PDB file of N, CA and C in Angstrom:
ATOM      1  N   UNK A   1       0.903  -1.141   0.071  1.00  0.00           N
ATOM      2  CA  UNK A   1      -0.022   0.245   0.569  1.00  0.00           C
ATOM      3  C   UNK A   1       0.467   1.324   0.319  1.00  0.00           C
ATOM      4  N   UNK A   2       0.830   1.895  -0.886  1.00  0.00           N
ATOM      5  CA  UNK A   2       1.634   3.401  -0.886  1.00  0.00           C
ATOM      6  C   UNK A   2       1.161   4.230  -0.136  1.00  0.00           C
ATOM      7  N   UNK A   3       1.877   5.469  -0.022  1.00  0.00           N
ATOM      8  CA  UNK A   3       1.272   6.305   1.083  1.00  0.00           C
ATOM      9  C   UNK A   3       0.307   7.571   0.360  1.00  0.00           C
ATOM     10  N   UNK A   4      -0.991   7.953   1.152  1.00  0.00           N
ATOM     11  CA  UNK A   4      -1.654   8.288   0.233  1.00  0.00           C
ATOM     12  C   UNK A   4      -1.065  10.192  -0.495  1.00  0.00           C
ATOM     13  N   UNK A   5      -1.768  10.370  -1.080  1.00  0.00           N
ATOM     14  CA  UNK A   5      -1.164  12.002  -1.782  1.00  0.00           C
ATOM     15  C   UNK A   5      -2.122  12.663  -2.168  1.00  0.00           C
ATOM     16  N   UNK A   6      -2.435  14.366  -1.788  1.00  0.00           N
ATOM     17  CA  UNK A   6      -3.172  14.941  -2.283  1.00  0.00           C
ATOM     18  C   UNK A   6      -2.911  16.684  -2.799  1.00  0.00           C
ATOM     19  N   UNK A   7      -3.353  16.576  -3.220  1.00  0.00           N
ATOM     20  CA  UNK A   7      -2.981  17.844  -4.167  1.00  0.00           C
ATOM     21  C   UNK A   7      -4.240  18.526  -3.916  1.00  0.00           C
ATOM     22  N   UNK A   8      -4.442  20.159  -3.798  1.00  0.00           N
ATOM     23  CA  UNK A   8      -4.982  21.276  -3.828  1.00  0.00           C
ATOM     24  C   UNK A   8      -4.533  21.928  -4.648  1.00  0.00           C
ATOM     25  N   UNK A   9      -6.323  22.503  -5.329  1.00  0.00           N
ATOM     26  CA  UNK A   9      -6.229  23.854  -5.816  1.00  0.00           C
ATOM     27  C   UNK A   9      -7.229  24.621  -5.106  1.00  0.00           C
ATOM     28  N   UNK A  10      -5.941  25.566  -4.527  1.00  0.00           N
ATOM     29  CA  UNK A  10      -6.182  27.107  -3.441  1.00  0.00           C
ATOM     30  C   UNK A  10      -6.666  26.091  -2.412  1.00  0.00           C
ATOM     31  N   UNK A  11      -7.841  26.182  -1.508  1.00  0.00           N
ATOM     32  CA  UNK A  11      -7.913  24.785  -0.177  1.00  0.00           C
ATOM     33  C   UNK A  11      -8.331  24.205  -0.741  1.00  0.00           C
ATOM     34  N   UNK A  12      -8.841  23.805  -1.600  1.00  0.00           N
ATOM     35  CA  UNK A  12      -9.575  22.537  -2.177  1.00  0.00           C
ATOM     36  C   UNK A  12      -9.372  21.512  -2.828  1.00  0.00           C
ATOM     37  N   UNK A  13      -9.514  20.166  -2.431  1.00  0.00           N
ATOM     38  CA  UNK A  13      -8.660  18.827  -2.430  1.00  0.00           C
ATOM     39  C   UNK A  13      -9.153  18.800  -4.126  1.00  0.00           C
ATOM     40  N   UNK A  14      -7.952  18.557  -4.999  1.00  0.00           N
ATOM     41  CA  UNK A  14      -8.652  17.631  -6.720  1.00  0.00           C
ATOM     42  C   UNK A  14      -8.533  16.675  -6.012  1.00  0.00           C
ATOM     43  N   UNK A  15      -6.875  16.394  -5.551  1.00  0.00           N
ATOM     44  CA  UNK A  15      -6.727  14.678  -6.104  1.00  0.00           C
ATOM     45  C   UNK A  15      -6.420  14.165  -5.145  1.00  0.00           C
ATOM     46  N   UNK A  16      -7.008  13.090  -3.827  1.00  0.00           N
ATOM     47  CA  UNK A  16      -6.616  12.545  -2.573  1.00  0.00           C
ATOM     48  C   UNK A  16      -6.460  10.922  -2.806  1.00  0.00           C
ATOM     49  N   UNK A  17      -5.472  10.195  -3.213  1.00  0.00           N
ATOM     50  CA  UNK A  17      -5.811   8.830  -3.615  1.00  0.00           C
ATOM     51  C   UNK A  17      -4.706   8.005  -2.739  1.00  0.00           C
ATOM     52  N   UNK A  18      -4.761   6.459  -2.792  1.00  0.00           N
ATOM     53  CA  UNK A  18      -3.856   5.916  -2.472  1.00  0.00           C
ATOM     54  C   UNK A  18      -4.314   4.578  -3.599  1.00  0.00           C
ATOM     55  N   UNK A  19      -3.090   4.179  -3.316  1.00  0.00           N
ATOM     56  CA  UNK A  19      -2.911   2.231  -4.312  1.00  0.00           C
ATOM     57  C   UNK A  19      -2.604   1.619  -3.535  1.00  0.00           C
ATOM     58  N   UNK A  20      -2.888   0.500  -3.954  1.00  0.00           N
ATOM     59  CA  UNK A  20      -2.541  -0.938  -3.916  1.00  0.00           C
ATOM     60  C   UNK A  20      -1.606  -1.596  -4.945  1.00  0.00           C
ATOM     61  N   UNK A  21      -0.497  -1.781  -5.090  1.00  0.00           N
ATOM     62  CA  UNK A  21      -0.089  -2.548  -6.219  1.00  0.00           C
ATOM     63  C   UNK A  21       0.356  -4.249  -6.177  1.00  0.00           C
ATOM     64  N   UNK A  22      -0.263  -5.216  -6.606  1.00  0.00           N
ATOM     65  CA  UNK A  22       0.682  -6.551  -6.228  1.00  0.00           C
ATOM     66  C   UNK A  22       1.487  -6.897  -8.099  1.00  0.00           C
ATOM     67  N   UNK A  23       2.135  -7.980  -7.643  1.00  0.00           N
ATOM     68  CA  UNK A  23       2.950  -7.928  -8.115  1.00  0.00           C
ATOM     69  C   UNK A  23       3.271  -9.695  -7.966  1.00  0.00           C
ATOM     70  N   UNK A  24       3.136 -10.692  -9.737  1.00  0.00           N
ATOM     71  CA  UNK A  24       3.230 -11.476  -9.406  1.00  0.00           C
ATOM     72  C   UNK A  24       3.701 -12.312 -10.514  1.00  0.00           C
ATOM     73  N   UNK A  25       3.007 -13.857 -10.688  1.00  0.00           N
ATOM     74  CA  UNK A  25       3.662 -14.143 -12.405  1.00  0.00           C
ATOM     75  C   UNK A  25       2.670 -14.823 -12.203  1.00  0.00           C
ATOM     76  N   UNK A  26       1.723 -14.823 -13.602  1.00  0.00           N
ATOM     77  CA  UNK A  26       0.608 -15.332 -14.272  1.00  0.00           C
ATOM     78  C   UNK A  26       0.692 -16.598 -14.998  1.00  0.00           C
ATOM     79  N   UNK A  27       0.178 -17.584 -15.220  1.00  0.00           N
ATOM     80  CA  UNK A  27      -0.111 -18.724 -15.886  1.00  0.00           C
ATOM     81  C   UNK A  27      -1.591 -19.346 -16.314  1.00  0.00           C
ATOM     82  N   UNK A  28      -1.958 -18.844 -17.374  1.00  0.00           N
ATOM     83  CA  UNK A  28      -3.214 -19.598 -18.036  1.00  0.00           C
ATOM     84  C   UNK A  28      -2.685 -19.421 -20.026  1.00  0.00           C
ATOM     85  N   UNK A  29      -3.284 -18.890 -20.474  1.00  0.00           N
ATOM     86  CA  UNK A  29      -3.471 -18.287 -21.886  1.00  0.00           C
ATOM     87  C   UNK A  29      -4.275 -17.023 -23.070  1.00  0.00           C
ATOM     88  N   UNK A  30      -3.645 -16.563 -23.713  1.00  0.00           N
ATOM     89  CA  UNK A  30      -5.029 -15.337 -24.332  1.00  0.00           C
ATOM     90  C   UNK A  30      -5.206 -15.795 -25.359  1.00  0.00           C
ATOM     91  N   UNK A  31      -6.574 -15.866 -25.977  1.00  0.00           N
ATOM     92  CA  UNK A  31      -7.124 -15.887 -26.957  1.00  0.00           C
ATOM     93  C   UNK A  31      -7.457 -14.458 -27.543  1.00  0.00           C
ATOM     94  N   UNK A  32      -6.603 -14.515 -28.520  1.00  0.00           N
ATOM     95  CA  UNK A  32      -7.301 -13.309 -29.441  1.00  0.00           C
ATOM     96  C   UNK A  32      -7.671 -13.874 -30.487  1.00  0.00           C
ATOM     97  N   UNK A  33      -8.495 -13.471 -31.202  1.00  0.00           N
ATOM     98  CA  UNK A  33      -9.309 -13.816 -33.022  1.00  0.00           C
ATOM     99  C   UNK A  33      -9.359 -14.882 -33.650  1.00  0.00           C
ATOM    100  N   UNK A  34      -9.057 -16.095 -32.258  1.00  0.00           N
ATOM    101  CA  UNK A  34      -8.759 -17.678 -32.478  1.00  0.00           C
ATOM    102  C   UNK A  34      -7.344 -17.778 -32.275  1.00  0.00           C
ATOM    103  N   UNK A  35      -6.750 -16.724 -31.999  1.00  0.00           N
ATOM    104  CA  UNK A  35      -5.170 -17.155 -32.017  1.00  0.00           C
ATOM    105  C   UNK A  35      -4.575 -17.561 -30.398  1.00  0.00           C
ATOM    106  N   UNK A  36      -3.934 -19.006 -29.858  1.00  0.00           N
ATOM    107  CA  UNK A  36      -3.814 -19.000 -28.037  1.00  0.00           C
ATOM    108  C   UNK A  36      -3.015 -18.305 -28.267  1.00  0.00           C
ATOM    109  N   UNK A  37      -2.408 -17.654 -27.114  1.00  0.00           N
ATOM    110  CA  UNK A  37      -0.705 -17.124 -26.973  1.00  0.00           C
ATOM    111  C   UNK A  37      -0.961 -17.753 -25.441  1.00  0.00           C
ATOM    112  N   UNK A  38      -0.278 -19.033 -24.698  1.00  0.00           N
ATOM    113  CA  UNK A  38      -0.016 -19.464 -23.866  1.00  0.00           C
ATOM    114  C   UNK A  38       1.120 -18.887 -23.133  1.00  0.00           C
ATOM    115  N   UNK A  39       0.674 -18.208 -21.833  1.00  0.00           N
ATOM    116  CA  UNK A  39       1.481 -17.953 -20.850  1.00  0.00           C
ATOM    117  C   UNK A  39       2.061 -18.642 -19.560  1.00  0.00           C
ATOM    118  N   UNK A  40       2.890 -19.413 -19.324  1.00  0.00           N
ATOM    119  CA  UNK A  40       3.952 -19.373 -18.766  1.00  0.00           C
ATOM    120  C   UNK A  40       4.347 -18.778 -16.862  1.00  0.00           C
ATOM    121  N   UNK A  41       3.677 -19.244 -16.077  1.00  0.00           N
ATOM    122  CA  UNK A  41       4.143 -18.357 -14.984  1.00  0.00           C
ATOM    123  C   UNK A  41       5.861 -18.002 -14.596  1.00  0.00           C
ATOM    124  N   UNK A  42       6.821 -19.031 -15.514  1.00  0.00           N
ATOM    125  CA  UNK A  42       8.936 -19.007 -15.579  1.00  0.00           C
ATOM    126  C   UNK A  42       9.166 -18.072 -16.055  1.00  0.00           C
ATOM    127  N   UNK A  43       7.723 -17.387 -17.036  1.00  0.00           N
ATOM    128  CA  UNK A  43       8.196 -16.458 -18.223  1.00  0.00           C
ATOM    129  C   UNK A  43       7.378 -15.384 -18.068  1.00  0.00           C
ATOM    130  N   UNK A  44       6.453 -15.502 -17.451  1.00  0.00           N
ATOM    131  CA  UNK A  44       5.400 -13.810 -17.702  1.00  0.00           C
ATOM    132  C   UNK A  44       6.093 -13.463 -15.726  1.00  0.00           C
ATOM    133  N   UNK A  45       6.292 -11.814 -15.452  1.00  0.00           N
ATOM    134  CA  UNK A  45       5.628 -11.265 -14.097  1.00  0.00           C
ATOM    135  C   UNK A  45       4.872 -10.340 -14.531  1.00  0.00           C
ATOM    136  N   UNK A  46       4.317  -9.852 -14.064  1.00  0.00           N
ATOM    137  CA  UNK A  46       3.141  -8.675 -13.539  1.00  0.00           C
ATOM    138  C   UNK A  46       2.410  -7.806 -12.549  1.00  0.00           C
ATOM    139  N   UNK A  47       2.304  -6.727 -12.509  1.00  0.00           N
ATOM    140  CA  UNK A  47       0.990  -6.191 -11.468  1.00  0.00           C
ATOM    141  C   UNK A  47       0.136  -6.320 -12.131  1.00  0.00           C
ATOM    142  N   UNK A  48      -0.530  -5.763 -10.651  1.00  0.00           N
ATOM    143  CA  UNK A  48      -2.208  -5.191 -11.103  1.00  0.00           C
ATOM    144  C   UNK A  48      -2.374  -4.306  -9.869  1.00  0.00           C
ATOM    145  N   UNK A  49      -2.966  -3.471 -10.015  1.00  0.00           N
ATOM    146  CA  UNK A  49      -2.962  -2.301  -9.064  1.00  0.00           C
ATOM    147  C   UNK A  49      -4.658  -2.008  -8.953  1.00  0.00           C
ATOM    148  N   UNK A  50      -5.059  -1.575  -7.813  1.00  0.00           N
ATOM    149  CA  UNK A  50      -6.253  -1.359  -7.107  1.00  0.00           C
ATOM    150  C   UNK A  50      -5.742   0.337  -6.783  1.00  0.00           C
ATOM    151  N   UNK A  51      -6.744   1.183  -7.063  1.00  0.00           N
ATOM    152  CA  UNK A  51      -6.368   3.063  -6.015  1.00  0.00           C
ATOM    153  C   UNK A  51      -8.046   3.109  -6.205  1.00  0.00           C
ATOM    154  N   UNK A  52      -8.473   3.923  -4.922  1.00  0.00           N
ATOM    155  CA  UNK A  52      -9.407   4.991  -5.430  1.00  0.00           C
ATOM    156  C   UNK A  52      -8.782   6.081  -4.614  1.00  0.00           C
ATOM    157  N   UNK A  53     -10.012   6.645  -4.756  1.00  0.00           N
ATOM    158  CA  UNK A  53     -10.254   8.075  -4.412  1.00  0.00           C
ATOM    159  C   UNK A  53     -10.521   9.171  -4.946  1.00  0.00           C
ATOM    160  N   UNK A  54     -10.618  10.337  -4.238  1.00  0.00           N
ATOM    161  CA  UNK A  54     -10.482  11.787  -5.594  1.00  0.00           C
ATOM    162  C   UNK A  54      -9.720  12.004  -6.416  1.00  0.00           C
ATOM    163  N   UNK A  55     -10.296  12.627  -7.835  1.00  0.00           N
ATOM    164  CA  UNK A  55      -9.370  12.346  -8.693  1.00  0.00           C
ATOM    165  C   UNK A  55      -9.501  13.713 -10.411  1.00  0.00           C
ATOM    166  N   UNK A  56      -9.127  15.004 -10.581  1.00  0.00           N
ATOM    167  CA  UNK A  56      -8.989  15.874 -10.762  1.00  0.00           C
ATOM    168  C   UNK A  56      -9.468  15.793 -12.280  1.00  0.00           C
ATOM    169  N   UNK A  57     -11.421  15.183 -12.166  1.00  0.00           N
ATOM    170  CA  UNK A  57     -11.786  15.183 -13.850  1.00  0.00           C
ATOM    171  C   UNK A  57     -13.506  15.799 -13.909  1.00  0.00           C
ATOM    172  N   UNK A  58     -13.742  15.959 -14.760  1.00  0.00           N
ATOM    173  CA  UNK A  58     -15.219  16.742 -14.447  1.00  0.00           C
ATOM    174  C   UNK A  58     -14.946  18.241 -14.898  1.00  0.00           C
ATOM    175  N   UNK A  59     -15.749  18.968 -14.984  1.00  0.00           N
ATOM    176  CA  UNK A  59     -16.043  20.260 -15.232  1.00  0.00           C
ATOM    177  C   UNK A  59     -14.698  21.100 -14.547  1.00  0.00           C
ATOM    178  N   UNK A  60     -14.431  22.559 -15.262  1.00  0.00           N
ATOM    179  CA  UNK A  60     -13.107  23.157 -15.146  1.00  0.00           C
ATOM    180  C   UNK A  60     -13.984  24.094 -13.872  1.00  0.00           C
ATOM    181  N   UNK A  61     -12.961  23.833 -12.607  1.00  0.00           N
ATOM    182  CA  UNK A  61     -13.175  24.979 -11.391  1.00  0.00           C
ATOM    183  C   UNK A  61     -14.098  26.225 -12.217  1.00  0.00           C
ATOM    184  N   UNK A  62     -14.719  26.696 -11.077  1.00  0.00           N
ATOM    185  CA  UNK A  62     -15.382  28.509 -11.484  1.00  0.00           C
ATOM    186  C   UNK A  62     -14.437  29.398 -11.797  1.00  0.00           C
ATOM    187  N   UNK A  63     -14.887  29.761 -12.817  1.00  0.00           N
ATOM    188  CA  UNK A  63     -13.735  31.694 -12.772  1.00  0.00           C
ATOM    189  C   UNK A  63     -14.266  32.388 -11.076  1.00  0.00           C
ATOM    190  N   UNK A  64     -13.146  32.686 -10.608  1.00  0.00           N
ATOM    191  CA  UNK A  64     -12.998  32.922  -9.361  1.00  0.00           C
ATOM    192  C   UNK A  64     -11.624  34.081  -9.199  1.00  0.00           C
ATOM    193  N   UNK A  65     -10.849  33.653  -8.211  1.00  0.00           N
ATOM    194  CA  UNK A  65      -9.503  33.946  -7.318  1.00  0.00           C
ATOM    195  C   UNK A  65      -8.819  33.130  -8.876  1.00  0.00           C
ATOM    196  N   UNK A  66      -7.543  34.040  -9.491  1.00  0.00           N
ATOM    197  CA  UNK A  66      -6.630  32.330 -10.118  1.00  0.00           C
ATOM    198  C   UNK A  66      -5.933  32.107  -9.034  1.00  0.00           C
ATOM    199  N   UNK A  67      -5.395  30.677  -9.613  1.00  0.00           N
ATOM    200  CA  UNK A  67      -4.539  29.723  -8.806  1.00  0.00           C
ATOM    201  C   UNK A  67      -3.265  30.381  -8.772  1.00  0.00           C
ATOM    202  N   UNK A  68      -2.230  29.331  -7.444  1.00  0.00           N
ATOM    203  CA  UNK A  68      -1.535  29.817  -7.560  1.00  0.00           C
ATOM    204  C   UNK A  68      -0.698  29.020  -8.517  1.00  0.00           C
ATOM    205  N   UNK A  69       0.556  29.351  -8.768  1.00  0.00           N
ATOM    206  CA  UNK A  69       1.171  28.588 -10.203  1.00  0.00           C
ATOM    207  C   UNK A  69       1.568  27.383  -9.434  1.00  0.00           C
ATOM    208  N   UNK A  70       1.207  26.018 -10.468  1.00  0.00           N
ATOM    209  CA  UNK A  70       1.071  25.016 -10.356  1.00  0.00           C
ATOM    210  C   UNK A  70       2.698  24.347  -9.752  1.00  0.00           C
ATOM    211  N   UNK A  71       2.637  24.356  -8.606  1.00  0.00           N
ATOM    212  CA  UNK A  71       4.476  23.764  -8.595  1.00  0.00           C
ATOM    213  C   UNK A  71       5.392  22.194  -9.267  1.00  0.00           C
ATOM    214  N   UNK A  72       4.104  21.913  -9.371  1.00  0.00           N
ATOM    215  CA  UNK A  72       5.131  20.144 -10.262  1.00  0.00           C
ATOM    216  C   UNK A  72       4.949  19.221  -9.078  1.00  0.00           C
ATOM    217  N   UNK A  73       5.086  18.106  -9.778  1.00  0.00           N
ATOM    218  CA  UNK A  73       5.002  16.762  -8.924  1.00  0.00           C
ATOM    219  C   UNK A  73       5.762  15.664  -9.571  1.00  0.00           C
ATOM    220  N   UNK A  74       6.586  14.892  -8.999  1.00  0.00           N
ATOM    221  CA  UNK A  74       7.241  13.753  -9.376  1.00  0.00           C
ATOM    222  C   UNK A  74       6.320  12.525  -8.725  1.00  0.00           C
ATOM    223  N   UNK A  75       5.683  11.508  -9.817  1.00  0.00           N
ATOM    224  CA  UNK A  75       4.682  10.861  -9.840  1.00  0.00           C
ATOM    225  C   UNK A  75       5.317   8.891 -10.832  1.00  0.00           C
ATOM    226  N   UNK A  76       6.372   8.547 -10.276  1.00  0.00           N
ATOM    227  CA  UNK A  76       6.792   7.501 -10.707  1.00  0.00           C
ATOM    228  C   UNK A  76       6.244   5.816 -10.699  1.00  0.00           C
ATOM    229  N   UNK A  77       5.457   5.626 -10.695  1.00  0.00           N
ATOM    230  CA  UNK A  77       4.664   3.852 -10.392  1.00  0.00           C
ATOM    231  C   UNK A  77       5.614   3.176 -11.344  1.00  0.00           C
ATOM    232  N   UNK A  78       6.395   2.324 -10.462  1.00  0.00           N
ATOM    233  CA  UNK A  78       7.822   1.127 -10.729  1.00  0.00           C
ATOM    234  C   UNK A  78       7.799  -0.211  -9.187  1.00  0.00           C
ATOM    235  N   UNK A  79       6.423  -0.467 -10.432  1.00  0.00           N
ATOM    236  CA  UNK A  79       6.314  -2.069  -9.676  1.00  0.00           C
ATOM    237  C   UNK A  79       7.440  -2.672  -9.544  1.00  0.00           C
ATOM    238  N   UNK A  80       8.412  -3.928  -8.525  1.00  0.00           N
ATOM    239  CA  UNK A  80       9.593  -4.304  -9.137  1.00  0.00           C
ATOM    240  C   UNK A  80       9.005  -5.838  -8.284  1.00  0.00           C
ATOM    241  N   UNK A  81      10.049  -7.074  -9.364  1.00  0.00           N
ATOM    242  CA  UNK A  81       9.888  -8.627  -8.302  1.00  0.00           C
ATOM    243  C   UNK A  81      11.328  -8.998  -8.479  1.00  0.00           C
ATOM    244  N   UNK A  82      11.637  -8.964  -7.863  1.00  0.00           N
ATOM    245  CA  UNK A  82      13.284 -10.181  -7.221  1.00  0.00           C
ATOM    246  C   UNK A  82      12.811 -11.664  -7.208  1.00  0.00           C
ATOM    247  N   UNK A  83      13.535 -12.460  -7.412  1.00  0.00           N
ATOM    248  CA  UNK A  83      14.022 -13.503  -7.324  1.00  0.00           C
ATOM    249  C   UNK A  83      13.394 -14.286  -6.118  1.00  0.00           C
ATOM    250  N   UNK A  84      14.461 -13.859  -4.950  1.00  0.00           N
ATOM    251  CA  UNK A  84      13.656 -13.907  -3.876  1.00  0.00           C
ATOM    252  C   UNK A  84      12.725 -13.054  -3.205  1.00  0.00           C
TER     253      UNK A  84
END
């Protein structure tokens, strides 16, 4: 579970989210248009994630007091798996 993160537009919360990531191996098959690809757990590593929270979607903020300059942020989603 990653640390929750929050972004404000002035005093209003516009992003407040948290994510859980799970890394593992997969086994089975994928069928696309009748062509089947076998997936073996010794050769496949993947991740899936579940996130929840407030997202900055929908209509823009109404006109009014201008926002302060956006200071930027780093957001690097990098799930890792090690042999041990």
